[in-house]
Protein backbone atom coordinates (compact mmCIF):
# COMPACT_ATOMS: atom_id res chain seq x y z
CA MET A 1 127.19 74.41 85.32
CA LYS A 2 128.63 72.41 82.40
CA SER A 3 126.33 71.03 79.73
CA ASP A 4 126.03 67.28 79.16
CA VAL A 5 128.20 67.59 76.06
CA GLU A 6 130.95 69.46 77.93
CA ASP A 7 130.79 66.94 80.77
CA LEU A 8 131.32 64.01 78.39
CA MET A 9 134.08 65.60 76.34
CA PRO A 10 137.02 64.76 78.65
CA ARG A 11 136.09 61.08 78.66
CA MET A 12 136.04 61.04 74.85
CA LEU A 13 139.42 62.70 74.29
CA PRO A 14 141.79 60.31 72.50
CA VAL A 15 145.04 59.08 74.02
CA GLU A 16 147.86 58.06 71.74
CA PHE A 17 147.80 54.30 71.11
CA GLY A 18 149.97 52.46 73.55
CA ALA A 19 150.41 55.47 75.84
CA SER A 20 150.06 54.98 79.55
CA THR A 21 148.57 57.42 82.07
CA GLU A 22 150.39 55.95 85.04
CA ASP A 23 153.28 58.41 84.79
CA VAL A 24 151.11 61.51 84.31
CA ASP A 25 151.72 64.17 86.95
CA LEU A 26 148.43 65.94 87.81
CA LYS A 27 150.17 68.59 89.89
CA GLY A 28 152.61 69.90 87.30
CA PRO A 29 151.76 71.76 84.10
CA PRO A 30 151.60 69.68 80.88
CA ARG A 31 154.76 69.84 78.78
CA ASN A 32 153.07 69.24 75.42
CA PRO A 33 149.57 68.80 73.93
CA ARG A 34 149.64 65.01 74.27
CA GLU A 35 150.46 65.22 77.97
CA TYR A 36 147.64 67.73 78.41
CA LEU A 37 145.15 65.29 76.87
CA ARG A 38 146.40 62.52 79.15
CA GLN A 39 145.98 64.76 82.20
CA VAL A 40 142.42 65.64 81.22
CA GLN A 41 141.45 62.04 80.62
CA LEU A 42 143.00 60.89 83.88
CA GLU A 43 141.24 63.62 85.86
CA ALA A 44 137.92 62.67 84.26
CA SER A 45 138.44 59.00 85.04
CA LEU A 46 138.89 59.82 88.72
CA CYS A 47 135.49 61.53 88.94
CA PRO A 48 132.56 59.37 90.07
CA GLU A 49 129.85 58.67 87.52
CA VAL A 50 127.09 59.80 89.88
CA VAL A 51 127.32 62.39 92.65
CA VAL A 52 124.61 62.52 95.31
CA ALA A 53 124.24 65.78 97.21
CA GLN A 54 124.04 65.44 100.96
CA ILE A 55 121.39 67.99 102.01
CA ASP A 56 120.08 68.49 105.52
CA PRO A 57 116.38 69.48 105.18
CA LYS A 58 116.44 71.11 108.62
CA LYS A 59 119.09 73.61 107.51
CA LEU A 60 117.11 74.53 104.40
CA LYS A 61 113.98 75.10 106.42
CA LYS A 62 115.77 77.49 108.77
CA LYS A 63 117.14 79.59 105.90
CA GLN A 64 113.82 80.16 104.14
CA THR A 65 113.01 83.87 103.96
CA VAL A 66 109.85 83.89 101.84
CA ASN A 67 106.61 82.13 102.62
CA ALA A 68 104.45 81.99 99.51
CA SER A 69 100.76 81.47 100.03
CA VAL A 70 98.24 80.43 97.41
CA GLU A 71 95.35 80.34 99.85
CA GLY A 72 92.16 81.81 98.43
CA CYS A 73 89.38 83.74 100.12
CA HIS A 74 86.54 82.33 102.16
CA ALA A 75 83.52 82.00 99.90
CA ALA A 76 80.77 84.51 100.59
CA PRO A 77 77.83 83.12 102.57
CA ALA A 78 74.69 82.47 100.55
CA GLY A 79 73.11 85.73 99.45
CA LEU A 80 76.04 87.93 100.51
CA CYS A 81 78.11 87.72 97.31
CA PRO A 82 77.95 90.92 95.22
CA SER A 83 76.87 90.74 91.60
CA LEU A 84 79.38 91.00 88.78
CA SER A 85 77.81 94.24 87.55
CA TRP A 86 78.21 95.76 91.04
CA GLN A 87 81.85 94.75 91.13
CA GLN A 88 82.50 96.25 87.70
CA GLN A 89 80.79 99.48 88.74
CA GLN A 90 82.97 99.76 91.86
CA VAL A 91 86.14 99.16 89.84
CA GLY A 92 85.15 101.92 87.41
CA HIS A 93 84.47 104.39 90.22
CA PHE A 94 87.70 103.44 91.97
CA SER A 95 89.64 104.07 88.78
CA ASP A 96 88.14 107.56 88.57
CA VAL A 97 89.15 108.26 92.17
CA ARG A 98 92.73 107.20 91.45
CA GLN A 99 92.91 109.47 88.43
CA SER A 100 91.56 112.38 90.44
CA ILE A 101 94.16 111.86 93.18
CA THR A 102 96.97 111.72 90.63
CA LYS A 103 95.72 114.79 88.78
CA ASN A 104 95.26 116.93 91.88
CA ARG A 105 98.15 115.63 94.02
CA ARG A 106 100.30 118.73 93.54
CA HIS A 107 97.41 121.07 94.36
CA TRP A 108 96.36 119.26 97.54
CA SER A 109 99.91 118.65 98.78
CA GLY A 110 100.42 122.41 98.65
CA GLN A 111 97.46 123.15 100.92
CA THR A 112 98.22 124.17 104.49
CA LEU A 113 97.06 121.66 107.09
CA ASP A 114 95.15 122.77 110.17
CA ASP A 115 97.20 123.26 113.29
CA ASN A 116 95.64 120.19 114.92
CA VAL A 117 96.78 117.88 112.09
CA LEU A 118 100.10 116.52 113.31
CA MET A 119 101.16 113.67 111.05
CA PRO A 120 103.28 111.02 112.82
CA LYS A 121 106.82 110.14 111.86
CA LEU A 122 107.27 107.34 109.35
CA THR A 123 108.45 104.84 111.95
CA ASP A 124 105.76 105.65 114.54
CA GLU A 125 103.32 102.80 113.89
CA ASP A 126 101.28 103.37 117.04
CA GLY A 127 101.08 107.06 116.20
CA TRP A 128 99.69 106.26 112.74
CA LYS A 129 97.10 103.90 114.18
CA ARG A 130 95.89 106.62 116.54
CA PHE A 131 96.00 109.19 113.73
CA CYS A 132 93.90 107.10 111.33
CA LEU A 133 91.60 105.23 113.70
CA GLY A 134 91.37 107.54 116.68
CA GLU A 135 91.94 106.66 120.31
CA THR A 136 88.45 105.20 120.70
CA VAL A 137 88.87 102.49 118.06
CA TYR A 138 92.59 101.99 118.64
CA GLN A 139 92.10 101.40 122.34
CA GLY A 140 89.17 99.08 121.65
CA THR A 141 86.56 101.16 123.45
CA SER A 142 84.29 100.81 120.45
CA SER A 143 84.69 99.12 117.07
CA CYS A 144 81.98 100.98 115.20
CA HIS A 145 81.03 104.62 114.65
CA THR A 146 78.71 106.36 112.29
CA ASP A 147 79.93 106.29 108.69
CA ALA A 148 79.29 110.02 108.28
CA GLU A 149 82.29 112.29 108.08
CA PRO A 150 83.18 113.81 111.47
CA GLU A 151 82.17 117.42 111.99
CA PRO A 152 85.03 119.95 112.26
CA ALA A 153 84.17 120.59 115.89
CA LEU A 154 84.80 116.96 116.80
CA ASP A 155 87.98 115.85 118.51
CA TYR A 156 89.84 114.04 115.73
CA SER A 157 92.28 112.57 118.21
CA LYS A 158 89.39 110.46 119.48
CA VAL A 159 87.62 109.60 116.23
CA GLY A 160 90.61 109.63 113.87
CA PHE A 161 91.51 111.94 111.00
CA PRO A 162 89.69 111.14 107.75
CA PRO A 163 91.96 110.54 104.73
CA PHE A 164 91.49 114.00 103.26
CA GLN A 165 93.27 114.57 99.95
CA SER A 166 95.35 117.27 101.60
CA ILE A 167 96.69 114.50 103.88
CA VAL A 168 97.08 111.51 101.55
CA SER A 169 98.65 113.68 98.84
CA ARG A 170 101.59 114.19 101.17
CA LEU A 171 102.27 110.45 101.47
CA ASN A 172 104.98 109.01 99.23
CA GLN A 173 104.86 105.37 98.16
CA SER A 174 107.04 104.19 101.02
CA THR A 175 104.65 105.74 103.53
CA VAL A 176 101.59 104.44 101.68
CA LEU A 177 102.95 100.91 101.76
CA MET A 178 104.07 101.16 105.39
CA LEU A 179 100.68 102.47 106.46
CA LEU A 180 98.84 99.78 104.50
CA GLU A 181 100.91 97.07 106.16
CA THR A 182 100.41 98.64 109.60
CA LEU A 183 96.63 98.93 109.33
CA ILE A 184 96.20 95.50 107.74
CA SER A 185 98.29 93.96 110.50
CA TRP A 186 96.07 95.72 113.08
CA PHE A 187 92.96 94.52 111.24
CA GLU A 188 94.11 90.91 111.56
CA GLU A 189 93.57 91.11 115.32
CA HIS A 190 90.61 93.53 115.51
CA ASP A 191 87.14 94.12 114.15
CA PHE A 192 86.30 96.28 111.14
CA SER A 193 85.39 99.95 111.61
CA PRO A 194 84.37 102.74 109.20
CA GLN A 195 87.55 104.66 110.06
CA LEU A 196 89.65 101.67 109.01
CA GLY A 197 87.62 101.17 105.84
CA ARG A 198 88.03 104.78 104.71
CA TRP A 199 91.79 104.68 105.18
CA LEU A 200 92.22 101.30 103.46
CA TYR A 201 90.24 102.56 100.47
CA ALA A 202 92.27 105.78 100.30
CA LEU A 203 95.60 103.98 100.57
CA LEU A 204 94.62 101.51 97.85
CA ALA A 205 93.71 104.51 95.70
CA CYS A 206 97.23 105.88 96.24
CA LEU A 207 99.00 102.57 95.62
CA GLU A 208 100.98 102.66 92.39
CA LYS A 209 101.00 99.89 89.79
CA PRO A 210 102.78 97.66 89.01
CA LEU A 211 102.72 96.42 92.57
CA LEU A 212 105.87 95.82 94.56
CA PRO A 213 106.10 92.32 96.08
CA GLU A 214 105.40 93.74 99.55
CA ALA A 215 102.26 95.49 98.33
CA HIS A 216 101.12 92.37 96.51
CA SER A 217 101.38 90.34 99.70
CA SER A 218 99.67 92.99 101.84
CA ILE A 219 96.59 93.48 99.69
CA ARG A 220 96.08 89.73 99.38
CA GLN A 221 96.25 89.52 103.16
CA LEU A 222 93.64 92.29 103.31
CA ALA A 223 91.25 90.50 100.94
CA ARG A 224 91.55 87.24 102.86
CA ARG A 225 90.89 88.97 106.18
CA CYS A 226 87.82 90.73 104.75
CA ALA A 227 86.50 87.44 103.35
CA GLN A 228 87.13 85.67 106.65
CA LEU A 229 85.21 88.34 108.56
CA ARG A 230 82.43 88.34 105.96
CA SER A 231 82.01 84.60 106.38
CA THR A 232 80.84 85.25 109.95
CA LEU A 233 78.05 87.62 108.88
CA GLU A 234 74.49 86.37 108.73
CA SER A 235 72.50 89.18 107.15
CA LEU A 236 72.48 91.48 104.14
CA GLU A 237 71.61 94.26 106.56
CA ASP A 238 74.96 94.06 108.37
CA ASP A 239 76.67 97.46 108.15
CA LYS A 240 80.07 95.87 107.49
CA LEU A 241 79.02 93.90 104.40
CA PRO A 242 79.24 96.62 101.68
CA ALA A 243 82.69 97.75 102.83
CA LEU A 244 84.06 94.20 103.07
CA ASN A 245 82.69 93.33 99.64
CA LEU A 246 84.18 96.53 98.22
CA LEU A 247 87.70 95.90 99.53
CA ILE A 248 87.66 92.29 98.30
CA CYS A 249 86.42 93.51 94.92
CA LEU A 250 89.14 96.12 94.50
CA VAL A 251 91.96 93.78 95.46
CA ALA A 252 90.70 91.01 93.20
CA ARG A 253 89.31 92.93 90.24
CA TYR A 254 91.32 96.15 90.02
CA PHE A 255 94.66 94.82 91.24
CA GLU A 256 94.11 91.59 89.29
CA GLN A 257 94.28 89.07 92.12
CA ASN A 258 91.71 87.05 90.22
CA ASP A 259 91.89 83.93 92.36
CA LEU A 260 90.47 85.98 95.25
CA ALA A 261 87.53 87.37 93.28
CA ASP A 262 83.92 86.72 94.21
CA GLN A 263 82.20 84.60 91.59
CA PRO A 264 78.44 85.27 91.61
CA GLU A 265 76.28 82.26 90.73
């Protein structure tokens, strides 16, 4: 795009006194410098002073590919907002977990998985949901199980595989991001469960910084969903409250989505 100065220049070029532009041929090349100046001035004089773009808003709307959202989180109900010191403590512990995963990734990725641990293919979203959540939660038979780690004798296909380091250490960033998006999308339509919480925490711990745009969008979606679900709780004794507060805290405080952070009174 030309600057204002460049746009005005052709109109200010001098034409020899007494010269006429009527016989200037715009199609042919100029034969001398004076004829060139006359051509430039004549072309400039034919341009309108103001040009108004004719834009159809409907066409622009159809071609939009990014929907930016600045929506914040639901405020925590009275008495359910965690203290600032609690949030800072969780961020510190989470940072230690991330460092441990990074330090020991090579060791754990080299461990042999049990024969019953069959990790789904990257594109098998339903397979990953069953793998992480178990058939019971995935099929909606029950939305809550004990928060204790399953015993080895349990059928993991029903209760879901915990995010052992020997499993998550095998996930590259593409798989981590895909799995985050898959589980968060599932969470949008379903209730919270301990299996889901463990995997979301583990995947956040594996998520590299700086965040890719897709990751940025996904974790904000996660925090908003947690806050929305928390807004329906009525008691400090609700089993879901600590996990929901923790996920909101990590997204807002560790990953620096400060507009989503809980602000204790």
